[in-house]
Amino acid sequence: LVLDLPPGTGDTQLSVTQQIVLDGSVIV
């Protein structure tokens, strides 16, 4: 499953990284 995160480093990004197990991240 690919997660398309919104721009920035705010609430959404923190919530995603703190709530679910991520196998990795890709920076564009």
mmCIF file of all heavy atoms, coordinates in Angstrom:
data_MODEL
# 
_entry.id   MODEL 
# 
loop_
_atom_site.group_PDB 
_atom_site.id 
_atom_site.type_symbol 
_atom_site.label_atom_id 
_atom_site.label_alt_id 
_atom_site.label_comp_id 
_atom_site.label_asym_id 
_atom_site.label_entity_id 
_atom_site.label_seq_id 
_atom_site.pdbx_PDB_ins_code 
_atom_site.Cartn_x 
_atom_site.Cartn_y 
_atom_site.Cartn_z 
_atom_site.occupancy 
_atom_site.B_iso_or_equiv 
_atom_site.pdbx_formal_charge 
_atom_site.auth_seq_id 
_atom_site.auth_comp_id 
_atom_site.auth_asym_id 
_atom_site.auth_atom_id 
_atom_site.pdbx_PDB_model_num 
ATOM 1   N N   . LEU A 1 1  ? 0.858  -1.185 0.000  1.00 0.00 ? 1  LEU A N   1 
ATOM 2   C CA  . LEU A 1 1  ? 0.000  0.000  0.000  1.00 0.00 ? 1  LEU A CA  1 
ATOM 3   C C   . LEU A 1 1  ? 0.891  1.231  0.000  1.00 0.00 ? 1  LEU A C   1 
ATOM 4   O O   . LEU A 1 1  ? 1.774  1.381  0.853  1.00 0.00 ? 1  LEU A O   1 
ATOM 5   C CB  . LEU A 1 1  ? -0.897 0.012  1.239  1.00 0.00 ? 1  LEU A CB  1 
ATOM 6   C CG  . LEU A 1 1  ? -1.798 1.246  1.413  1.00 0.00 ? 1  LEU A CG  1 
ATOM 7   C CD1 . LEU A 1 1  ? -2.844 1.321  0.304  1.00 0.00 ? 1  LEU A CD1 1 
ATOM 8   C CD2 . LEU A 1 1  ? -2.477 1.228  2.785  1.00 0.00 ? 1  LEU A CD2 1 
ATOM 9   N N   . VAL A 1 2  ? 0.673  2.111  -0.963 1.00 0.00 ? 2  VAL A N   1 
ATOM 10  C CA  . VAL A 1 2  ? 1.405  3.375  -1.045 1.00 0.00 ? 2  VAL A CA  1 
ATOM 11  C C   . VAL A 1 2  ? 0.566  4.456  -0.376 1.00 0.00 ? 2  VAL A C   1 
ATOM 12  O O   . VAL A 1 2  ? -0.617 4.618  -0.688 1.00 0.00 ? 2  VAL A O   1 
ATOM 13  C CB  . VAL A 1 2  ? 1.690  3.764  -2.512 1.00 0.00 ? 2  VAL A CB  1 
ATOM 14  C CG1 . VAL A 1 2  ? 2.360  5.133  -2.593 1.00 0.00 ? 2  VAL A CG1 1 
ATOM 15  C CG2 . VAL A 1 2  ? 2.554  2.702  -3.186 1.00 0.00 ? 2  VAL A CG2 1 
ATOM 16  N N   . LEU A 1 3  ? 1.165  5.189  0.549  1.00 0.00 ? 3  LEU A N   1 
ATOM 17  C CA  . LEU A 1 3  ? 0.488  6.310  1.187  1.00 0.00 ? 3  LEU A CA  1 
ATOM 18  C C   . LEU A 1 3  ? 0.951  7.600  0.524  1.00 0.00 ? 3  LEU A C   1 
ATOM 19  O O   . LEU A 1 3  ? 2.144  7.903  0.521  1.00 0.00 ? 3  LEU A O   1 
ATOM 20  C CB  . LEU A 1 3  ? 0.807  6.378  2.689  1.00 0.00 ? 3  LEU A CB  1 
ATOM 21  C CG  . LEU A 1 3  ? 0.438  5.184  3.566  1.00 0.00 ? 3  LEU A CG  1 
ATOM 22  C CD1 . LEU A 1 3  ? 0.671  5.540  5.029  1.00 0.00 ? 3  LEU A CD1 1 
ATOM 23  C CD2 . LEU A 1 3  ? -1.002 4.762  3.350  1.00 0.00 ? 3  LEU A CD2 1 
ATOM 24  N N   . ASP A 1 4  ? 0.019  8.337  -0.035 1.00 0.00 ? 4  ASP A N   1 
ATOM 25  C CA  . ASP A 1 4  ? 0.321  9.642  -0.615 1.00 0.00 ? 4  ASP A CA  1 
ATOM 26  C C   . ASP A 1 4  ? 0.093  10.684 0.468  1.00 0.00 ? 4  ASP A C   1 
ATOM 27  O O   . ASP A 1 4  ? -1.038 11.071 0.756  1.00 0.00 ? 4  ASP A O   1 
ATOM 28  C CB  . ASP A 1 4  ? -0.580 9.898  -1.827 1.00 0.00 ? 4  ASP A CB  1 
ATOM 29  C CG  . ASP A 1 4  ? -0.321 11.248 -2.474 1.00 0.00 ? 4  ASP A CG  1 
ATOM 30  O OD1 . ASP A 1 4  ? 0.759  11.826 -2.220 1.00 0.00 ? 4  ASP A OD1 1 
ATOM 31  O OD2 . ASP A 1 4  ? -1.184 11.726 -3.232 1.00 0.00 ? 4  ASP A OD2 1 
ATOM 32  N N   . LEU A 1 5  ? 1.194  11.141 1.105  1.00 0.00 ? 5  LEU A N   1 
ATOM 33  C CA  . LEU A 1 5  ? 1.087  12.101 2.199  1.00 0.00 ? 5  LEU A CA  1 
ATOM 34  C C   . LEU A 1 5  ? 0.945  13.519 1.654  1.00 0.00 ? 5  LEU A C   1 
ATOM 35  O O   . LEU A 1 5  ? 1.454  13.832 0.576  1.00 0.00 ? 5  LEU A O   1 
ATOM 36  C CB  . LEU A 1 5  ? 2.328  12.033 3.095  1.00 0.00 ? 5  LEU A CB  1 
ATOM 37  C CG  . LEU A 1 5  ? 2.644  10.705 3.788  1.00 0.00 ? 5  LEU A CG  1 
ATOM 38  C CD1 . LEU A 1 5  ? 3.832  10.882 4.720  1.00 0.00 ? 5  LEU A CD1 1 
ATOM 39  C CD2 . LEU A 1 5  ? 1.440  10.192 4.561  1.00 0.00 ? 5  LEU A CD2 1 
ATOM 40  N N   . PRO A 1 6  ? 0.281  14.404 2.404  1.00 0.00 ? 6  PRO A N   1 
ATOM 41  C CA  . PRO A 1 6  ? 0.222  15.799 1.979  1.00 0.00 ? 6  PRO A CA  1 
ATOM 42  C C   . PRO A 1 6  ? 1.593  16.462 2.161  1.00 0.00 ? 6  PRO A C   1 
ATOM 43  O O   . PRO A 1 6  ? 2.451  15.931 2.879  1.00 0.00 ? 6  PRO A O   1 
ATOM 44  C CB  . PRO A 1 6  ? -0.815 16.412 2.927  1.00 0.00 ? 6  PRO A CB  1 
ATOM 45  C CG  . PRO A 1 6  ? -0.765 15.558 4.138  1.00 0.00 ? 6  PRO A CG  1 
ATOM 46  C CD  . PRO A 1 6  ? -0.462 14.177 3.655  1.00 0.00 ? 6  PRO A CD  1 
ATOM 47  N N   . PRO A 1 7  ? 1.809  17.611 1.530  1.00 0.00 ? 7  PRO A N   1 
ATOM 48  C CA  . PRO A 1 7  ? 3.089  18.313 1.723  1.00 0.00 ? 7  PRO A CA  1 
ATOM 49  C C   . PRO A 1 7  ? 3.258  18.747 3.174  1.00 0.00 ? 7  PRO A C   1 
ATOM 50  O O   . PRO A 1 7  ? 2.279  18.949 3.901  1.00 0.00 ? 7  PRO A O   1 
ATOM 51  C CB  . PRO A 1 7  ? 2.969  19.537 0.801  1.00 0.00 ? 7  PRO A CB  1 
ATOM 52  C CG  . PRO A 1 7  ? 1.859  19.223 -0.151 1.00 0.00 ? 7  PRO A CG  1 
ATOM 53  C CD  . PRO A 1 7  ? 0.923  18.320 0.590  1.00 0.00 ? 7  PRO A CD  1 
ATOM 54  N N   . GLY A 1 8  ? 4.493  18.889 3.585  1.00 0.00 ? 8  GLY A N   1 
ATOM 55  C CA  . GLY A 1 8  ? 4.774  19.415 4.916  1.00 0.00 ? 8  GLY A CA  1 
ATOM 56  C C   . GLY A 1 8  ? 5.237  18.361 5.901  1.00 0.00 ? 8  GLY A C   1 
ATOM 57  O O   . GLY A 1 8  ? 5.443  17.188 5.563  1.00 0.00 ? 8  GLY A O   1 
ATOM 58  N N   . THR A 1 9  ? 5.402  18.804 7.146  1.00 0.00 ? 9  THR A N   1 
ATOM 59  C CA  . THR A 1 9  ? 5.852  17.919 8.226  1.00 0.00 ? 9  THR A CA  1 
ATOM 60  C C   . THR A 1 9  ? 4.998  18.170 9.473  1.00 0.00 ? 9  THR A C   1 
ATOM 61  O O   . THR A 1 9  ? 5.520  18.287 10.572 1.00 0.00 ? 9  THR A O   1 
ATOM 62  C CB  . THR A 1 9  ? 7.341  18.176 8.558  1.00 0.00 ? 9  THR A CB  1 
ATOM 63  O OG1 . THR A 1 9  ? 7.510  19.570 8.885  1.00 0.00 ? 9  THR A OG1 1 
ATOM 64  C CG2 . THR A 1 9  ? 8.240  17.829 7.381  1.00 0.00 ? 9  THR A CG2 1 
ATOM 65  N N   . GLY A 1 10 ? 3.686  18.232 9.278  1.00 0.00 ? 10 GLY A N   1 
ATOM 66  C CA  . GLY A 1 10 ? 2.798  18.609 10.368 1.00 0.00 ? 10 GLY A CA  1 
ATOM 67  C C   . GLY A 1 10 ? 1.995  17.479 10.958 1.00 0.00 ? 10 GLY A C   1 
ATOM 68  O O   . GLY A 1 10 ? 2.447  16.325 11.037 1.00 0.00 ? 10 GLY A O   1 
ATOM 69  N N   . ASP A 1 11 ? 0.756  17.805 11.367 1.00 0.00 ? 11 ASP A N   1 
ATOM 70  C CA  . ASP A 1 11 ? -0.091 16.871 12.105 1.00 0.00 ? 11 ASP A CA  1 
ATOM 71  C C   . ASP A 1 11 ? -0.334 15.567 11.353 1.00 0.00 ? 11 ASP A C   1 
ATOM 72  O O   . ASP A 1 11 ? -0.267 14.479 11.931 1.00 0.00 ? 11 ASP A O   1 
ATOM 73  C CB  . ASP A 1 11 ? -1.448 17.520 12.414 1.00 0.00 ? 11 ASP A CB  1 
ATOM 74  C CG  . ASP A 1 11 ? -1.353 18.540 13.542 1.00 0.00 ? 11 ASP A CG  1 
ATOM 75  O OD1 . ASP A 1 11 ? -0.304 18.578 14.198 1.00 0.00 ? 11 ASP A OD1 1 
ATOM 76  O OD2 . ASP A 1 11 ? -2.322 19.284 13.741 1.00 0.00 ? 11 ASP A OD2 1 
ATOM 77  N N   . THR A 1 12 ? -0.662 15.674 10.059 1.00 0.00 ? 12 THR A N   1 
ATOM 78  C CA  . THR A 1 12 ? -0.991 14.464 9.303  1.00 0.00 ? 12 THR A CA  1 
ATOM 79  C C   . THR A 1 12 ? 0.195  13.518 9.235  1.00 0.00 ? 12 THR A C   1 
ATOM 80  O O   . THR A 1 12 ? 0.070  12.308 9.478  1.00 0.00 ? 12 THR A O   1 
ATOM 81  C CB  . THR A 1 12 ? -1.454 14.823 7.882  1.00 0.00 ? 12 THR A CB  1 
ATOM 82  O OG1 . THR A 1 12 ? -2.631 15.627 7.959  1.00 0.00 ? 12 THR A OG1 1 
ATOM 83  C CG2 . THR A 1 12 ? -1.749 13.565 7.076  1.00 0.00 ? 12 THR A CG2 1 
ATOM 84  N N   . GLN A 1 13 ? 1.361  14.061 8.912  1.00 0.00 ? 13 GLN A N   1 
ATOM 85  C CA  . GLN A 1 13 ? 2.557  13.222 8.818  1.00 0.00 ? 13 GLN A CA  1 
ATOM 86  C C   . GLN A 1 13 ? 2.882  12.565 10.157 1.00 0.00 ? 13 GLN A C   1 
ATOM 87  O O   . GLN A 1 13 ? 3.196  11.366 10.213 1.00 0.00 ? 13 GLN A O   1 
ATOM 88  C CB  . GLN A 1 13 ? 3.752  14.060 8.346  1.00 0.00 ? 13 GLN A CB  1 
ATOM 89  C CG  . GLN A 1 13 ? 3.669  14.523 6.914  1.00 0.00 ? 13 GLN A CG  1 
ATOM 90  C CD  . GLN A 1 13 ? 2.783  15.747 6.727  1.00 0.00 ? 13 GLN A CD  1 
ATOM 91  O OE1 . GLN A 1 13 ? 2.228  16.295 7.672  1.00 0.00 ? 13 GLN A OE1 1 
ATOM 92  N NE2 . GLN A 1 13 ? 2.650  16.187 5.495  1.00 0.00 ? 13 GLN A NE2 1 
ATOM 93  N N   . LEU A 1 14 ? 2.783  13.331 11.236 1.00 0.00 ? 14 LEU A N   1 
ATOM 94  C CA  . LEU A 1 14 ? 3.064  12.766 12.555 1.00 0.00 ? 14 LEU A CA  1 
ATOM 95  C C   . LEU A 1 14 ? 2.047  11.705 12.938 1.00 0.00 ? 14 LEU A C   1 
ATOM 96  O O   . LEU A 1 14 ? 2.403  10.657 13.480 1.00 0.00 ? 14 LEU A O   1 
ATOM 97  C CB  . LEU A 1 14 ? 3.078  13.886 13.602 1.00 0.00 ? 14 LEU A CB  1 
ATOM 98  C CG  . LEU A 1 14 ? 4.317  14.787 13.591 1.00 0.00 ? 14 LEU A CG  1 
ATOM 99  C CD1 . LEU A 1 14 ? 4.156  15.921 14.590 1.00 0.00 ? 14 LEU A CD1 1 
ATOM 100 C CD2 . LEU A 1 14 ? 5.575  13.990 13.893 1.00 0.00 ? 14 LEU A CD2 1 
ATOM 101 N N   . SER A 1 15 ? 0.775  11.965 12.645 1.00 0.00 ? 15 SER A N   1 
ATOM 102 C CA  . SER A 1 15 ? -0.256 10.987 12.983 1.00 0.00 ? 15 SER A CA  1 
ATOM 103 C C   . SER A 1 15 ? -0.056 9.673  12.241 1.00 0.00 ? 15 SER A C   1 
ATOM 104 O O   . SER A 1 15 ? -0.191 8.592  12.812 1.00 0.00 ? 15 SER A O   1 
ATOM 105 C CB  . SER A 1 15 ? -1.647 11.555 12.671 1.00 0.00 ? 15 SER A CB  1 
ATOM 106 O OG  . SER A 1 15 ? -1.952 12.643 13.513 1.00 0.00 ? 15 SER A OG  1 
ATOM 107 N N   . VAL A 1 16 ? 0.269  9.768  10.949 1.00 0.00 ? 16 VAL A N   1 
ATOM 108 C CA  . VAL A 1 16 ? 0.503  8.560  10.158 1.00 0.00 ? 16 VAL A CA  1 
ATOM 109 C C   . VAL A 1 16 ? 1.688  7.782  10.708 1.00 0.00 ? 16 VAL A C   1 
ATOM 110 O O   . VAL A 1 16 ? 1.625  6.563  10.914 1.00 0.00 ? 16 VAL A O   1 
ATOM 111 C CB  . VAL A 1 16 ? 0.724  8.917  8.671  1.00 0.00 ? 16 VAL A CB  1 
ATOM 112 C CG1 . VAL A 1 16 ? 1.236  7.702  7.902  1.00 0.00 ? 16 VAL A CG1 1 
ATOM 113 C CG2 . VAL A 1 16 ? -0.561 9.425  8.045  1.00 0.00 ? 16 VAL A CG2 1 
ATOM 114 N N   . THR A 1 17 ? 2.794  8.478  10.965 1.00 0.00 ? 17 THR A N   1 
ATOM 115 C CA  . THR A 1 17 ? 4.006  7.781  11.410 1.00 0.00 ? 17 THR A CA  1 
ATOM 116 C C   . THR A 1 17 ? 3.873  7.227  12.817 1.00 0.00 ? 17 THR A C   1 
ATOM 117 O O   . THR A 1 17 ? 4.541  6.246  13.171 1.00 0.00 ? 17 THR A O   1 
ATOM 118 C CB  . THR A 1 17 ? 5.223  8.719  11.347 1.00 0.00 ? 17 THR A CB  1 
ATOM 119 O OG1 . THR A 1 17 ? 4.973  9.888  12.151 1.00 0.00 ? 17 THR A OG1 1 
ATOM 120 C CG2 . THR A 1 17 ? 5.503  9.150  9.920  1.00 0.00 ? 17 THR A CG2 1 
ATOM 121 N N   . GLN A 1 18 ? 3.002  7.817  13.631 1.00 0.00 ? 18 GLN A N   1 
ATOM 122 C CA  . GLN A 1 18 ? 2.838  7.355  15.008 1.00 0.00 ? 18 GLN A CA  1 
ATOM 123 C C   . GLN A 1 18 ? 1.758  6.295  15.154 1.00 0.00 ? 18 GLN A C   1 
ATOM 124 O O   . GLN A 1 18 ? 1.755  5.549  16.123 1.00 0.00 ? 18 GLN A O   1 
ATOM 125 C CB  . GLN A 1 18 ? 2.520  8.539  15.919 1.00 0.00 ? 18 GLN A CB  1 
ATOM 126 C CG  . GLN A 1 18 ? 3.681  9.494  16.095 1.00 0.00 ? 18 GLN A CG  1 
ATOM 127 C CD  . GLN A 1 18 ? 3.303  10.753 16.865 1.00 0.00 ? 18 GLN A CD  1 
ATOM 128 O OE1 . GLN A 1 18 ? 2.136  10.964 17.195 1.00 0.00 ? 18 GLN A OE1 1 
ATOM 129 N NE2 . GLN A 1 18 ? 4.285  11.585 17.148 1.00 0.00 ? 18 GLN A NE2 1 
ATOM 130 N N   . GLN A 1 19 ? 0.829  6.221  14.193 1.00 0.00 ? 19 GLN A N   1 
ATOM 131 C CA  . GLN A 1 19 ? -0.305 5.311  14.343 1.00 0.00 ? 19 GLN A CA  1 
ATOM 132 C C   . GLN A 1 19 ? -0.134 3.982  13.627 1.00 0.00 ? 19 GLN A C   1 
ATOM 133 O O   . GLN A 1 19 ? -0.734 2.990  14.039 1.00 0.00 ? 19 GLN A O   1 
ATOM 134 C CB  . GLN A 1 19 ? -1.585 5.981  13.833 1.00 0.00 ? 19 GLN A CB  1 
ATOM 135 C CG  . GLN A 1 19 ? -2.113 7.065  14.726 1.00 0.00 ? 19 GLN A CG  1 
ATOM 136 C CD  . GLN A 1 19 ? -3.450 7.590  14.239 1.00 0.00 ? 19 GLN A CD  1 
ATOM 137 O OE1 . GLN A 1 19 ? -4.212 6.877  13.578 1.00 0.00 ? 19 GLN A OE1 1 
ATOM 138 N NE2 . GLN A 1 19 ? -3.756 8.835  14.545 1.00 0.00 ? 19 GLN A NE2 1 
ATOM 139 N N   . ILE A 1 20 ? 0.613  3.957  12.533 1.00 0.00 ? 20 ILE A N   1 
ATOM 140 C CA  . ILE A 1 20 ? 0.713  2.723  11.762 1.00 0.00 ? 20 ILE A CA  1 
ATOM 141 C C   . ILE A 1 20 ? 2.165  2.307  11.567 1.00 0.00 ? 20 ILE A C   1 
ATOM 142 O O   . ILE A 1 20 ? 3.081  3.137  11.659 1.00 0.00 ? 20 ILE A O   1 
ATOM 143 C CB  . ILE A 1 20 ? 0.017  2.845  10.386 1.00 0.00 ? 20 ILE A CB  1 
ATOM 144 C CG1 . ILE A 1 20 ? 0.723  3.878  9.516  1.00 0.00 ? 20 ILE A CG1 1 
ATOM 145 C CG2 . ILE A 1 20 ? -1.456 3.167  10.541 1.00 0.00 ? 20 ILE A CG2 1 
ATOM 146 C CD1 . ILE A 1 20 ? 0.213  3.905  8.091  1.00 0.00 ? 20 ILE A CD1 1 
ATOM 147 N N   . VAL A 1 21 ? 2.355  1.040  11.290 1.00 0.00 ? 21 VAL A N   1 
ATOM 148 C CA  . VAL A 1 21 ? 3.689  0.514  11.022 1.00 0.00 ? 21 VAL A CA  1 
ATOM 149 C C   . VAL A 1 21 ? 4.036  0.791  9.559  1.00 0.00 ? 21 VAL A C   1 
ATOM 150 O O   . VAL A 1 21 ? 3.356  0.302  8.655  1.00 0.00 ? 21 VAL A O   1 
ATOM 151 C CB  . VAL A 1 21 ? 3.750  -1.003 11.301 1.00 0.00 ? 21 VAL A CB  1 
ATOM 152 C CG1 . VAL A 1 21 ? 5.125  -1.549 10.941 1.00 0.00 ? 21 VAL A CG1 1 
ATOM 153 C CG2 . VAL A 1 21 ? 3.418  -1.283 12.760 1.00 0.00 ? 21 VAL A CG2 1 
ATOM 154 N N   . LEU A 1 22 ? 5.053  1.594  9.345  1.00 0.00 ? 22 LEU A N   1 
ATOM 155 C CA  . LEU A 1 22 ? 5.520  1.908  7.995  1.00 0.00 ? 22 LEU A CA  1 
ATOM 156 C C   . LEU A 1 22 ? 6.780  1.108  7.699  1.00 0.00 ? 22 LEU A C   1 
ATOM 157 O O   . LEU A 1 22 ? 7.712  1.073  8.508  1.00 0.00 ? 22 LEU A O   1 
ATOM 158 C CB  . LEU A 1 22 ? 5.820  3.402  7.861  1.00 0.00 ? 22 LEU A CB  1 
ATOM 159 C CG  . LEU A 1 22 ? 4.624  4.361  7.866  1.00 0.00 ? 22 LEU A CG  1 
ATOM 160 C CD1 . LEU A 1 22 ? 5.115  5.806  7.919  1.00 0.00 ? 22 LEU A CD1 1 
ATOM 161 C CD2 . LEU A 1 22 ? 3.766  4.145  6.635  1.00 0.00 ? 22 LEU A CD2 1 
ATOM 162 N N   . ASP A 1 23 ? 6.811  0.486  6.530  1.00 0.00 ? 23 ASP A N   1 
ATOM 163 C CA  . ASP A 1 23 ? 7.998  -0.266 6.133  1.00 0.00 ? 23 ASP A CA  1 
ATOM 164 C C   . ASP A 1 23 ? 9.062  0.634  5.523  1.00 0.00 ? 23 ASP A C   1 
ATOM 165 O O   . ASP A 1 23 ? 10.200 0.196  5.331  1.00 0.00 ? 23 ASP A O   1 
ATOM 166 C CB  . ASP A 1 23 ? 7.602  -1.360 5.138  1.00 0.00 ? 23 ASP A CB  1 
ATOM 167 C CG  . ASP A 1 23 ? 6.695  -2.396 5.782  1.00 0.00 ? 23 ASP A CG  1 
ATOM 168 O OD1 . ASP A 1 23 ? 7.224  -3.277 6.484  1.00 0.00 ? 23 ASP A OD1 1 
ATOM 169 O OD2 . ASP A 1 23 ? 5.469  -2.301 5.615  1.00 0.00 ? 23 ASP A OD2 1 
ATOM 170 N N   . GLY A 1 24 ? 8.699  1.865  5.229  1.00 0.00 ? 24 GLY A N   1 
ATOM 171 C CA  . GLY A 1 24 ? 9.684  2.794  4.703  1.00 0.00 ? 24 GLY A CA  1 
ATOM 172 C C   . GLY A 1 24 ? 9.029  4.028  4.131  1.00 0.00 ? 24 GLY A C   1 
ATOM 173 O O   . GLY A 1 24 ? 7.805  4.107  3.984  1.00 0.00 ? 24 GLY A O   1 
ATOM 174 N N   . SER A 1 25 ? 9.858  5.017  3.827  1.00 0.00 ? 25 SER A N   1 
ATOM 175 C CA  . SER A 1 25 ? 9.380  6.277  3.264  1.00 0.00 ? 25 SER A CA  1 
ATOM 176 C C   . SER A 1 25 ? 10.236 6.665  2.067  1.00 0.00 ? 25 SER A C   1 
ATOM 177 O O   . SER A 1 25 ? 11.424 6.349  2.004  1.00 0.00 ? 25 SER A O   1 
ATOM 178 C CB  . SER A 1 25 ? 9.422  7.382  4.320  1.00 0.00 ? 25 SER A CB  1 
ATOM 179 O OG  . SER A 1 25 ? 10.751 7.555  4.805  1.00 0.00 ? 25 SER A OG  1 
ATOM 180 N N   . VAL A 1 26 ? 9.604  7.354  1.127  1.00 0.00 ? 26 VAL A N   1 
ATOM 181 C CA  . VAL A 1 26 ? 10.275 7.863  -0.065 1.00 0.00 ? 26 VAL A CA  1 
ATOM 182 C C   . VAL A 1 26 ? 10.060 9.367  -0.107 1.00 0.00 ? 26 VAL A C   1 
ATOM 183 O O   . VAL A 1 26 ? 8.931  9.846  0.027  1.00 0.00 ? 26 VAL A O   1 
ATOM 184 C CB  . VAL A 1 26 ? 9.709  7.219  -1.350 1.00 0.00 ? 26 VAL A CB  1 
ATOM 185 C CG1 . VAL A 1 26 ? 10.296 7.876  -2.597 1.00 0.00 ? 26 VAL A CG1 1 
ATOM 186 C CG2 . VAL A 1 26 ? 9.981  5.714  -1.357 1.00 0.00 ? 26 VAL A CG2 1 
ATOM 187 N N   . ILE A 1 27 ? 11.129 10.126 -0.265 1.00 0.00 ? 27 ILE A N   1 
ATOM 188 C CA  . ILE A 1 27 ? 11.055 11.582 -0.348 1.00 0.00 ? 27 ILE A CA  1 
ATOM 189 C C   . ILE A 1 27 ? 11.121 11.993 -1.816 1.00 0.00 ? 27 ILE A C   1 
ATOM 190 O O   . ILE A 1 27 ? 11.992 11.530 -2.558 1.00 0.00 ? 27 ILE A O   1 
ATOM 191 C CB  . ILE A 1 27 ? 12.212 12.253 0.416  1.00 0.00 ? 27 ILE A CB  1 
ATOM 192 C CG1 . ILE A 1 27 ? 12.251 11.792 1.873  1.00 0.00 ? 27 ILE A CG1 1 
ATOM 193 C CG2 . ILE A 1 27 ? 12.105 13.777 0.320  1.00 0.00 ? 27 ILE A CG2 1 
ATOM 194 C CD1 . ILE A 1 27 ? 11.114 12.303 2.716  1.00 0.00 ? 27 ILE A CD1 1 
ATOM 195 N N   . VAL A 1 28 ? 10.201 12.869 -2.225 1.00 0.00 ? 28 VAL A N   1 
ATOM 196 C CA  . VAL A 1 28 ? 10.193 13.382 -3.606 1.00 0.00 ? 28 VAL A CA  1 
ATOM 197 C C   . VAL A 1 28 ? 10.596 14.844 -3.582 1.00 0.00 ? 28 VAL A C   1 
ATOM 198 O O   . VAL A 1 28 ? 10.103 15.638 -2.774 1.00 0.00 ? 28 VAL A O   1 
ATOM 199 C CB  . VAL A 1 28 ? 8.789  13.238 -4.238 1.00 0.00 ? 28 VAL A CB  1 
ATOM 200 C CG1 . VAL A 1 28 ? 8.794  13.795 -5.666 1.00 0.00 ? 28 VAL A CG1 1 
ATOM 201 C CG2 . VAL A 1 28 ? 8.346  11.787 -4.241 1.00 0.00 ? 28 VAL A CG2 1 
# 
